[in-house]
Amino acid sequence: MSIGIKHTYTLGEAAELLSCHKETIRRAIKDGSLQAAKLGRGYRVSRVDLEAFWQAQGGGVLFEKVESIEQQVLEPEPEPEPVDEKPKKPRGPEQLTLPT
């Protein structure tokens, strides 16, 4: 269940977020200062790695903290207690018959 929060970015999306050219992002990946996964012919950069790179370059907070929102959305709601249900009678063990 997602609430519209991106967790990975293409080179173009990452470059747009950092207001730079995507070749700048590609060079950072090649020199090892930015972690990325190569998928097919392109790269995907995780939100965590992009923010770490941005802060290492002297930038501030890139994304607002949304963990509490995600936890609220992802936590299962407690099941409501059954209303007016008769308690079930306990059943004894069922006998199994094996083929002979």
N, C-alpha and C. Protein backbone atom coordinates (compact mmCIF):
# COMPACT_ATOMS: atom_id res chain seq x y z
N MET A 1 0.85 -1.17 0.00
CA MET A 1 0.00 0.00 0.00
C MET A 1 0.89 1.23 0.00
N SER A 2 0.72 2.07 -0.97
CA SER A 2 1.56 3.24 -1.09
C SER A 2 0.70 4.49 -1.02
N ILE A 3 1.25 5.54 -0.43
CA ILE A 3 0.49 6.78 -0.33
C ILE A 3 1.09 7.84 -1.25
N GLY A 4 1.71 7.39 -2.32
CA GLY A 4 2.25 8.32 -3.30
C GLY A 4 3.66 8.80 -3.00
N ILE A 5 4.39 8.09 -2.18
CA ILE A 5 5.77 8.46 -1.86
C ILE A 5 6.68 7.63 -2.72
N LYS A 6 7.52 8.30 -3.52
CA LYS A 6 8.47 7.57 -4.36
C LYS A 6 9.64 7.11 -3.52
N HIS A 7 10.09 5.90 -3.80
CA HIS A 7 11.23 5.36 -3.07
C HIS A 7 12.46 5.23 -3.97
N THR A 8 12.27 5.24 -5.28
CA THR A 8 13.40 5.21 -6.22
C THR A 8 13.17 6.25 -7.31
N TYR A 9 14.27 6.74 -7.86
CA TYR A 9 14.22 7.81 -8.86
C TYR A 9 15.11 7.46 -10.05
N THR A 10 14.69 7.85 -11.24
CA THR A 10 15.53 7.72 -12.42
C THR A 10 16.58 8.83 -12.38
N LEU A 11 17.54 8.77 -13.30
CA LEU A 11 18.55 9.84 -13.34
C LEU A 11 17.90 11.19 -13.58
N GLY A 12 16.94 11.23 -14.50
CA GLY A 12 16.26 12.49 -14.80
C GLY A 12 15.51 13.05 -13.61
N GLU A 13 14.81 12.18 -12.88
CA GLU A 13 14.06 12.62 -11.71
C GLU A 13 15.01 13.09 -10.61
N ALA A 14 16.11 12.36 -10.41
CA ALA A 14 17.09 12.75 -9.40
C ALA A 14 17.72 14.09 -9.75
N ALA A 15 18.05 14.27 -11.04
CA ALA A 15 18.65 15.53 -11.48
C ALA A 15 17.67 16.69 -11.28
N GLU A 16 16.41 16.45 -11.56
CA GLU A 16 15.41 17.50 -11.37
C GLU A 16 15.27 17.88 -9.90
N LEU A 17 15.29 16.88 -9.01
CA LEU A 17 15.21 17.15 -7.57
C LEU A 17 16.39 17.97 -7.07
N LEU A 18 17.58 17.68 -7.62
CA LEU A 18 18.79 18.37 -7.18
C LEU A 18 19.12 19.60 -8.02
N SER A 19 18.27 19.89 -9.00
CA SER A 19 18.48 21.04 -9.89
C SER A 19 19.84 20.99 -10.57
N CYS A 20 20.14 19.85 -11.16
CA CYS A 20 21.38 19.70 -11.90
C CYS A 20 21.11 18.89 -13.16
N HIS A 21 22.14 18.69 -13.97
CA HIS A 21 22.01 17.92 -15.19
C HIS A 21 22.10 16.43 -14.85
N LYS A 22 21.41 15.59 -15.61
CA LYS A 22 21.48 14.16 -15.29
C LYS A 22 22.86 13.58 -15.53
N GLU A 23 23.67 14.21 -16.35
CA GLU A 23 25.06 13.75 -16.52
C GLU A 23 25.85 13.94 -15.22
N THR A 24 25.52 14.96 -14.45
CA THR A 24 26.16 15.18 -13.15
C THR A 24 25.84 14.01 -12.22
N ILE A 25 24.60 13.56 -12.25
CA ILE A 25 24.19 12.42 -11.44
C ILE A 25 24.91 11.16 -11.92
N ARG A 26 24.99 10.98 -13.23
CA ARG A 26 25.67 9.81 -13.81
C ARG A 26 27.14 9.78 -13.39
N ARG A 27 27.81 10.93 -13.41
CA ARG A 27 29.23 10.99 -13.00
C ARG A 27 29.38 10.65 -11.52
N ALA A 28 28.44 11.11 -10.69
CA ALA A 28 28.50 10.80 -9.25
C ALA A 28 28.35 9.30 -9.01
N ILE A 29 27.52 8.66 -9.83
CA ILE A 29 27.36 7.21 -9.72
C ILE A 29 28.65 6.52 -10.14
N LYS A 30 29.22 6.96 -11.26
CA LYS A 30 30.45 6.34 -11.78
C LYS A 30 31.62 6.49 -10.81
N ASP A 31 31.74 7.67 -10.14
CA ASP A 31 32.88 7.85 -9.23
C ASP A 31 32.61 7.29 -7.83
N GLY A 32 31.41 6.74 -7.61
CA GLY A 32 31.12 6.06 -6.36
C GLY A 32 30.57 6.94 -5.25
N SER A 33 30.37 8.22 -5.50
CA SER A 33 29.86 9.08 -4.44
C SER A 33 28.34 8.99 -4.31
N LEU A 34 27.68 8.38 -5.28
CA LEU A 34 26.23 8.16 -5.21
C LEU A 34 25.94 6.71 -5.54
N GLN A 35 25.27 6.01 -4.64
CA GLN A 35 24.91 4.62 -4.85
C GLN A 35 23.68 4.55 -5.75
N ALA A 36 23.68 3.61 -6.69
CA ALA A 36 22.54 3.42 -7.59
C ALA A 36 22.51 1.98 -8.07
N ALA A 37 21.35 1.55 -8.52
CA ALA A 37 21.18 0.22 -9.08
C ALA A 37 21.02 0.36 -10.59
N LYS A 38 21.71 -0.48 -11.34
CA LYS A 38 21.58 -0.45 -12.79
C LYS A 38 20.49 -1.43 -13.19
N LEU A 39 19.47 -0.92 -13.85
CA LEU A 39 18.36 -1.73 -14.33
C LEU A 39 18.26 -1.53 -15.83
N GLY A 40 18.60 -2.58 -16.56
CA GLY A 40 18.61 -2.46 -18.02
C GLY A 40 19.67 -1.46 -18.45
N ARG A 41 19.24 -0.46 -19.20
CA ARG A 41 20.18 0.57 -19.65
C ARG A 41 20.22 1.79 -18.74
N GLY A 42 19.35 1.82 -17.74
CA GLY A 42 19.28 2.99 -16.87
C GLY A 42 19.62 2.67 -15.43
N TYR A 43 19.64 3.71 -14.63
CA TYR A 43 19.93 3.60 -13.21
C TYR A 43 18.70 3.99 -12.41
N ARG A 44 18.61 3.46 -11.20
CA ARG A 44 17.61 3.88 -10.24
C ARG A 44 18.36 4.22 -8.96
N VAL A 45 18.00 5.36 -8.38
CA VAL A 45 18.63 5.83 -7.16
C VAL A 45 17.58 5.82 -6.06
N SER A 46 17.93 5.23 -4.92
CA SER A 46 16.96 5.17 -3.82
C SER A 46 16.86 6.54 -3.16
N ARG A 47 15.74 6.76 -2.53
CA ARG A 47 15.48 8.01 -1.82
C ARG A 47 16.52 8.24 -0.73
N VAL A 48 16.87 7.18 0.00
CA VAL A 48 17.84 7.29 1.09
C VAL A 48 19.22 7.66 0.55
N ASP A 49 19.65 6.98 -0.53
CA ASP A 49 20.97 7.28 -1.10
C ASP A 49 21.02 8.68 -1.71
N LEU A 50 19.93 9.10 -2.32
CA LEU A 50 19.90 10.44 -2.91
C LEU A 50 20.02 11.51 -1.83
N GLU A 51 19.31 11.32 -0.74
CA GLU A 51 19.40 12.30 0.35
C GLU A 51 20.78 12.30 1.00
N ALA A 52 21.38 11.10 1.17
CA ALA A 52 22.73 11.02 1.75
C ALA A 52 23.74 11.73 0.85
N PHE A 53 23.62 11.53 -0.46
CA PHE A 53 24.51 12.20 -1.42
C PHE A 53 24.34 13.72 -1.33
N TRP A 54 23.09 14.16 -1.28
CA TRP A 54 22.80 15.59 -1.24
C TRP A 54 23.39 16.23 0.02
N GLN A 55 23.24 15.56 1.15
CA GLN A 55 23.78 16.10 2.39
C GLN A 55 25.30 16.06 2.41
N ALA A 56 25.91 15.04 1.79
CA ALA A 56 27.37 14.96 1.70
C ALA A 56 27.92 16.10 0.84
N GLN A 57 27.12 16.58 -0.09
CA GLN A 57 27.54 17.68 -0.95
C GLN A 57 27.30 19.05 -0.30
N GLY A 58 26.76 19.04 0.91
CA GLY A 58 26.54 20.30 1.63
C GLY A 58 25.10 20.76 1.60
N GLY A 59 24.22 19.97 1.02
CA GLY A 59 22.81 20.34 0.98
C GLY A 59 22.13 20.04 2.30
N GLY A 60 20.95 20.57 2.45
CA GLY A 60 20.19 20.35 3.68
C GLY A 60 19.27 19.16 3.53
N VAL A 61 18.15 19.24 4.19
CA VAL A 61 17.16 18.16 4.15
C VAL A 61 16.48 18.20 2.79
N LEU A 62 16.52 17.09 2.09
CA LEU A 62 15.95 17.02 0.75
C LEU A 62 14.49 16.61 0.79
N PHE A 63 14.15 15.70 1.68
CA PHE A 63 12.78 15.20 1.80
C PHE A 63 12.29 15.42 3.22
N GLU A 64 11.01 15.70 3.35
CA GLU A 64 10.41 15.80 4.67
C GLU A 64 10.32 14.40 5.26
N LYS A 65 10.38 14.32 6.55
CA LYS A 65 10.27 13.02 7.20
C LYS A 65 8.82 12.55 7.10
N VAL A 66 8.63 11.35 6.53
CA VAL A 66 7.29 10.83 6.32
C VAL A 66 7.10 9.46 6.96
N GLU A 67 8.08 9.02 7.76
CA GLU A 67 7.98 7.69 8.35
C GLU A 67 6.73 7.56 9.21
N SER A 68 6.41 8.60 9.97
CA SER A 68 5.25 8.50 10.86
C SER A 68 3.97 8.38 10.05
N ILE A 69 3.90 9.05 8.92
CA ILE A 69 2.73 8.94 8.05
C ILE A 69 2.65 7.54 7.47
N GLU A 70 3.78 7.01 6.99
CA GLU A 70 3.79 5.67 6.44
C GLU A 70 3.38 4.65 7.50
N GLN A 71 3.87 4.80 8.71
CA GLN A 71 3.54 3.85 9.77
C GLN A 71 2.05 3.90 10.08
N GLN A 72 1.48 5.10 10.08
CA GLN A 72 0.06 5.22 10.36
C GLN A 72 -0.76 4.53 9.29
N VAL A 73 -0.34 4.66 8.05
CA VAL A 73 -1.08 4.07 6.95
C VAL A 73 -0.88 2.57 6.90
N LEU A 74 0.35 2.10 7.17
CA LEU A 74 0.66 0.70 7.03
C LEU A 74 0.30 -0.16 8.23
N GLU A 75 0.06 0.47 9.39
CA GLU A 75 -0.29 -0.31 10.57
C GLU A 75 -1.70 -0.86 10.40
N PRO A 76 -1.89 -2.15 10.61
CA PRO A 76 -3.24 -2.71 10.47
C PRO A 76 -4.14 -2.21 11.59
N GLU A 77 -5.37 -1.96 11.24
CA GLU A 77 -6.33 -1.53 12.24
C GLU A 77 -6.74 -2.74 13.07
N PRO A 78 -6.98 -2.54 14.35
CA PRO A 78 -7.41 -3.68 15.17
C PRO A 78 -8.78 -4.16 14.71
N GLU A 79 -8.94 -5.48 14.76
CA GLU A 79 -10.21 -6.04 14.32
C GLU A 79 -11.28 -5.72 15.36
N PRO A 80 -12.48 -5.35 14.89
CA PRO A 80 -13.54 -5.04 15.85
C PRO A 80 -14.00 -6.32 16.56
N GLU A 81 -14.40 -6.16 17.79
CA GLU A 81 -14.87 -7.31 18.55
C GLU A 81 -16.21 -7.77 17.99
N PRO A 82 -16.42 -9.08 17.90
CA PRO A 82 -17.70 -9.56 17.37
C PRO A 82 -18.86 -9.16 18.28
N VAL A 83 -19.96 -8.87 17.64
CA VAL A 83 -21.14 -8.42 18.37
C VAL A 83 -22.21 -9.50 18.30
N ASP A 84 -22.81 -9.84 19.43
CA ASP A 84 -23.92 -10.78 19.53
C ASP A 84 -23.62 -12.13 18.88
N GLU A 85 -22.45 -12.65 19.02
CA GLU A 85 -22.16 -13.98 18.51
C GLU A 85 -22.22 -14.95 19.66
N LYS A 86 -22.88 -16.07 19.42
CA LYS A 86 -22.97 -17.09 20.45
C LYS A 86 -21.63 -17.80 20.52
N PRO A 87 -21.18 -18.12 21.72
CA PRO A 87 -19.92 -18.85 21.83
C PRO A 87 -20.07 -20.24 21.21
N LYS A 88 -19.06 -20.67 20.52
CA LYS A 88 -19.09 -21.98 19.88
C LYS A 88 -18.81 -23.05 20.92
N LYS A 89 -19.51 -24.17 20.77
CA LYS A 89 -19.29 -25.28 21.67
C LYS A 89 -17.97 -25.94 21.32
N PRO A 90 -17.21 -26.31 22.32
CA PRO A 90 -15.94 -27.00 22.01
C PRO A 90 -16.22 -28.37 21.40
N ARG A 91 -15.41 -28.71 20.44
CA ARG A 91 -15.54 -30.00 19.77
C ARG A 91 -14.40 -30.89 20.19
N GLY A 92 -14.68 -32.14 20.32
CA GLY A 92 -13.65 -33.10 20.68
C GLY A 92 -12.81 -33.42 19.47
N PRO A 93 -11.78 -34.23 19.64
CA PRO A 93 -10.93 -34.59 18.52
C PRO A 93 -11.73 -35.41 17.49
N GLU A 94 -11.46 -35.11 16.25
CA GLU A 94 -12.13 -35.86 15.19
C GLU A 94 -11.32 -37.11 14.92
N GLN A 95 -12.06 -38.20 14.68
CA GLN A 95 -11.39 -39.47 14.45
C GLN A 95 -11.03 -39.59 12.97
N LEU A 96 -9.80 -39.95 12.73
CA LEU A 96 -9.35 -40.14 11.36
C LEU A 96 -9.38 -41.63 11.05
N THR A 97 -9.85 -41.96 9.88
CA THR A 97 -9.83 -43.35 9.47
C THR A 97 -8.80 -43.49 8.36
N LEU A 98 -7.96 -44.46 8.50
CA LEU A 98 -6.90 -44.68 7.53
C LEU A 98 -7.31 -45.83 6.62
N PRO A 99 -6.95 -45.75 5.35
CA PRO A 99 -7.28 -46.86 4.45
C PRO A 99 -6.50 -48.11 4.86
N THR A 100 -7.15 -49.25 4.67
CA THR A 100 -6.49 -50.51 5.04
C THR A 100 -6.12 -51.31 3.82
